């Protein structure tokens, strides 16, 4: 019974980890695509998003197919670069700093997109840009004129399709996007804290070992 509960809890934990890593990987893939397509992106932003995507893919591969630690693969080496290695901790801490910088930039962009999108959605759901409201003077706004031109060229009005989506569903979607983004930031921040802790503790251990070695040499002499 206990063994069955352990296997069930282990399976649930693995499934939850895979789902979270998959969502974070898709988020990092989106950031990478935006940085590659944007000609004004700096090399630091491209490197940060690409390295974050690579790290998350390796973590996802390791979590989805657990195996013995003796099976050294490229994905496992990248995913566990800071385990017991001072250099690995330094590299991972440096990468985490660049990842947090990239996430901060994307958070600002996502914030303004959320504000602008909420204003547009409110206007659409209030029939501001649709044909349901007819002015007595037959005067139309610039937005409605552009919508009419787009409908004449394409054959459908995107605002009408947008209104088919329930407003509550959009609110839930935006909330999930922000929850996914904030959880990814917390995940990266946790790796940065663990790497910094390992880096500081390893340096203290090296100094203590050096002092012990010096005392041993003096005693032998």
Foldseek 3Di string as FASTA:
>chain_A
DVVVVVVVVLVVVLVVVLVLLVLVLVVLVVQLVVQVPDPPHDPLSNVLSVLSNLQSVLVNVCSVDPDDPVPDDPSVCSNPVLPVDLVSLVVLLVSLVSNLVNLVVVVVVLVVVVVVVVVVVVCLLVVVQHPPDADPVRDDDPSNVVQVVVCVVPVDRVSVVVNVDDPVVVVVVSVVVVVSSVVVNVVSVVSNVVSVVVNVVVVVVVVVVVVVVVVVVVVVD
